[in-house]
Amino acid sequence: MRIFLLAAYLILITLPAKSYFDPGTGAMIIQAIVAFVSSLIIFFSSPIYHIKKFYKKIRDKLKKKKIEK
């Protein structure tokens, strides 16, 4: 219970932030987010493409065997 109260206290009590968020920092954060999302898309699409290609080859071979019978 004490941990919950401490966490609630730390979350609800705000202190003034003495920082400056300039446009360059915002652009850098947006660039990092775009780069992260792009890398995820490239990382996951490439293996999925090769897996689909592999199963398509197997499916085509099975269809050929069915037609030949």
N, C-alpha and C. Protein backbone atom coordinates (compact mmCIF):
# COMPACT_ATOMS: atom_id res chain seq x y z
N MET A 1 0.82 -1.18 0.00
CA MET A 1 0.00 0.00 0.00
C MET A 1 0.87 1.25 0.00
N ARG A 2 1.98 1.18 0.71
CA ARG A 2 2.87 2.35 0.76
C ARG A 2 3.47 2.66 -0.61
N ILE A 3 3.79 1.59 -1.35
CA ILE A 3 4.37 1.80 -2.68
C ILE A 3 3.35 2.48 -3.59
N PHE A 4 2.09 2.05 -3.49
CA PHE A 4 1.04 2.66 -4.29
C PHE A 4 0.88 4.14 -3.95
N LEU A 5 0.88 4.47 -2.68
CA LEU A 5 0.74 5.87 -2.27
C LEU A 5 1.93 6.70 -2.71
N LEU A 6 3.12 6.12 -2.62
CA LEU A 6 4.32 6.83 -3.07
C LEU A 6 4.27 7.07 -4.58
N ALA A 7 3.86 6.06 -5.33
CA ALA A 7 3.75 6.21 -6.78
C ALA A 7 2.70 7.25 -7.13
N ALA A 8 1.55 7.23 -6.45
CA ALA A 8 0.50 8.21 -6.71
C ALA A 8 0.99 9.61 -6.37
N TYR A 9 1.72 9.75 -5.29
CA TYR A 9 2.26 11.05 -4.90
C TYR A 9 3.23 11.57 -5.96
N LEU A 10 4.13 10.72 -6.41
CA LEU A 10 5.12 11.14 -7.40
C LEU A 10 4.48 11.48 -8.74
N ILE A 11 3.40 10.78 -9.08
CA ILE A 11 2.74 11.05 -10.35
C ILE A 11 1.88 12.31 -10.28
N LEU A 12 1.18 12.50 -9.19
CA LEU A 12 0.23 13.60 -9.10
C LEU A 12 0.87 14.94 -8.73
N ILE A 13 1.96 14.94 -8.01
CA ILE A 13 2.62 16.18 -7.62
C ILE A 13 3.59 16.56 -8.73
N THR A 14 3.33 17.69 -9.34
CA THR A 14 4.19 18.13 -10.44
C THR A 14 5.08 19.27 -9.98
N LEU A 15 6.25 19.26 -10.51
CA LEU A 15 7.20 20.33 -10.25
C LEU A 15 7.44 21.09 -11.55
N PRO A 16 7.75 22.35 -11.47
CA PRO A 16 8.00 23.10 -12.71
C PRO A 16 9.26 22.58 -13.41
N ALA A 17 9.13 22.36 -14.69
CA ALA A 17 10.25 21.86 -15.48
C ALA A 17 11.02 23.05 -16.02
N LYS A 18 12.29 23.06 -15.80
CA LYS A 18 13.13 24.15 -16.29
C LYS A 18 13.91 23.64 -17.50
N SER A 19 13.17 23.48 -18.59
CA SER A 19 13.80 22.99 -19.81
C SER A 19 13.21 23.73 -21.00
N TYR A 20 13.88 23.59 -22.12
CA TYR A 20 13.44 24.25 -23.34
C TYR A 20 13.33 23.20 -24.43
N PHE A 21 12.19 23.14 -25.05
CA PHE A 21 11.92 22.17 -26.12
C PHE A 21 11.90 22.93 -27.43
N ASP A 22 13.03 23.01 -28.10
CA ASP A 22 13.13 23.80 -29.32
C ASP A 22 12.69 22.98 -30.54
N PRO A 23 12.48 23.66 -31.67
CA PRO A 23 12.03 22.96 -32.88
C PRO A 23 13.03 21.89 -33.36
N GLY A 24 14.30 22.11 -33.14
CA GLY A 24 15.30 21.11 -33.55
C GLY A 24 15.13 19.80 -32.80
N THR A 25 14.83 19.90 -31.52
CA THR A 25 14.61 18.70 -30.71
C THR A 25 13.34 17.99 -31.15
N GLY A 26 12.30 18.73 -31.45
CA GLY A 26 11.06 18.13 -31.93
C GLY A 26 11.27 17.41 -33.25
N ALA A 27 12.01 18.03 -34.16
CA ALA A 27 12.30 17.40 -35.44
C ALA A 27 13.13 16.14 -35.26
N MET A 28 14.05 16.16 -34.31
CA MET A 28 14.87 14.98 -34.05
C MET A 28 14.03 13.84 -33.50
N ILE A 29 13.08 14.14 -32.64
CA ILE A 29 12.21 13.11 -32.08
C ILE A 29 11.32 12.54 -33.18
N ILE A 30 10.76 13.38 -34.02
CA ILE A 30 9.93 12.91 -35.13
C ILE A 30 10.75 12.05 -36.08
N GLN A 31 11.98 12.46 -36.37
CA GLN A 31 12.86 11.69 -37.25
C GLN A 31 13.15 10.31 -36.65
N ALA A 32 13.38 10.26 -35.34
CA ALA A 32 13.65 8.98 -34.69
C ALA A 32 12.43 8.07 -34.76
N ILE A 33 11.24 8.62 -34.58
CA ILE A 33 10.02 7.82 -34.65
C ILE A 33 9.82 7.28 -36.06
N VAL A 34 10.00 8.14 -37.06
CA VAL A 34 9.84 7.71 -38.46
C VAL A 34 10.87 6.64 -38.81
N ALA A 35 12.10 6.82 -38.38
CA ALA A 35 13.14 5.83 -38.66
C ALA A 35 12.83 4.50 -37.98
N PHE A 36 12.32 4.54 -36.76
CA PHE A 36 11.98 3.31 -36.04
C PHE A 36 10.86 2.56 -36.75
N VAL A 37 9.82 3.28 -37.13
CA VAL A 37 8.68 2.64 -37.82
C VAL A 37 9.13 2.08 -39.17
N SER A 38 9.94 2.83 -39.90
CA SER A 38 10.44 2.37 -41.19
C SER A 38 11.27 1.11 -41.04
N SER A 39 12.14 1.08 -40.05
CA SER A 39 12.98 -0.10 -39.86
C SER A 39 12.14 -1.31 -39.47
N LEU A 40 11.09 -1.12 -38.68
CA LEU A 40 10.20 -2.23 -38.35
C LEU A 40 9.50 -2.77 -39.60
N ILE A 41 9.04 -1.88 -40.45
CA ILE A 41 8.37 -2.30 -41.68
C ILE A 41 9.32 -3.10 -42.56
N ILE A 42 10.52 -2.61 -42.75
CA ILE A 42 11.51 -3.31 -43.58
C ILE A 42 11.88 -4.64 -42.94
N PHE A 43 12.10 -4.65 -41.64
CA PHE A 43 12.52 -5.87 -40.96
C PHE A 43 11.47 -6.96 -41.06
N PHE A 44 10.20 -6.60 -40.85
CA PHE A 44 9.16 -7.62 -40.85
C PHE A 44 8.65 -7.96 -42.24
N SER A 45 8.75 -7.06 -43.20
CA SER A 45 8.23 -7.37 -44.53
C SER A 45 9.17 -8.28 -45.30
N SER A 46 10.45 -8.14 -45.14
CA SER A 46 11.39 -8.95 -45.89
C SER A 46 11.27 -10.44 -45.54
N PRO A 47 11.32 -10.83 -44.28
CA PRO A 47 11.16 -12.26 -43.97
C PRO A 47 9.78 -12.79 -44.37
N ILE A 48 8.75 -11.99 -44.21
CA ILE A 48 7.42 -12.44 -44.56
C ILE A 48 7.33 -12.70 -46.06
N TYR A 49 7.95 -11.86 -46.86
CA TYR A 49 7.95 -12.07 -48.31
C TYR A 49 8.61 -13.39 -48.65
N HIS A 50 9.75 -13.68 -48.05
CA HIS A 50 10.47 -14.92 -48.36
C HIS A 50 9.70 -16.15 -47.87
N ILE A 51 9.03 -16.05 -46.74
CA ILE A 51 8.23 -17.16 -46.24
C ILE A 51 7.05 -17.42 -47.17
N LYS A 52 6.38 -16.37 -47.61
CA LYS A 52 5.27 -16.53 -48.54
C LYS A 52 5.74 -17.15 -49.85
N LYS A 53 6.89 -16.71 -50.32
CA LYS A 53 7.45 -17.23 -51.56
C LYS A 53 7.75 -18.73 -51.42
N PHE A 54 8.30 -19.13 -50.28
CA PHE A 54 8.62 -20.53 -50.03
C PHE A 54 7.35 -21.39 -50.04
N TYR A 55 6.31 -20.96 -49.33
CA TYR A 55 5.06 -21.72 -49.29
C TYR A 55 4.34 -21.72 -50.63
N LYS A 56 4.50 -20.67 -51.41
CA LYS A 56 3.89 -20.64 -52.73
C LYS A 56 4.55 -21.68 -53.63
N LYS A 57 5.86 -21.84 -53.53
CA LYS A 57 6.55 -22.87 -54.30
C LYS A 57 6.03 -24.25 -53.94
N ILE A 58 5.87 -24.49 -52.65
CA ILE A 58 5.37 -25.79 -52.20
C ILE A 58 3.95 -26.02 -52.71
N ARG A 59 3.11 -25.01 -52.61
CA ARG A 59 1.73 -25.12 -53.08
C ARG A 59 1.67 -25.38 -54.57
N ASP A 60 2.52 -24.69 -55.34
CA ASP A 60 2.53 -24.89 -56.79
C ASP A 60 2.99 -26.31 -57.13
N LYS A 61 3.97 -26.84 -56.41
CA LYS A 61 4.42 -28.22 -56.65
C LYS A 61 3.31 -29.21 -56.35
N LEU A 62 2.56 -28.98 -55.27
CA LEU A 62 1.46 -29.87 -54.93
C LEU A 62 0.34 -29.82 -55.97
N LYS A 63 0.08 -28.63 -56.51
CA LYS A 63 -0.94 -28.50 -57.56
C LYS A 63 -0.52 -29.25 -58.81
N LYS A 64 0.78 -29.15 -59.16
CA LYS A 64 1.28 -29.86 -60.34
C LYS A 64 1.15 -31.36 -60.17
N LYS A 65 1.44 -31.85 -58.99
CA LYS A 65 1.32 -33.29 -58.71
C LYS A 65 -0.14 -33.74 -58.80
N LYS A 66 -1.08 -32.92 -58.34
CA LYS A 66 -2.49 -33.25 -58.43
C LYS A 66 -2.94 -33.31 -59.89
N ILE A 67 -2.49 -32.37 -60.69
CA ILE A 67 -2.87 -32.32 -62.11
C ILE A 67 -2.30 -33.53 -62.85
N GLU A 68 -1.08 -33.92 -62.54
CA GLU A 68 -0.44 -35.04 -63.22
C GLU A 68 -1.12 -36.36 -62.90
N LYS A 69 -1.71 -36.49 -61.73
CA LYS A 69 -2.37 -37.76 -61.32
C LYS A 69 -3.63 -37.89 -62.07
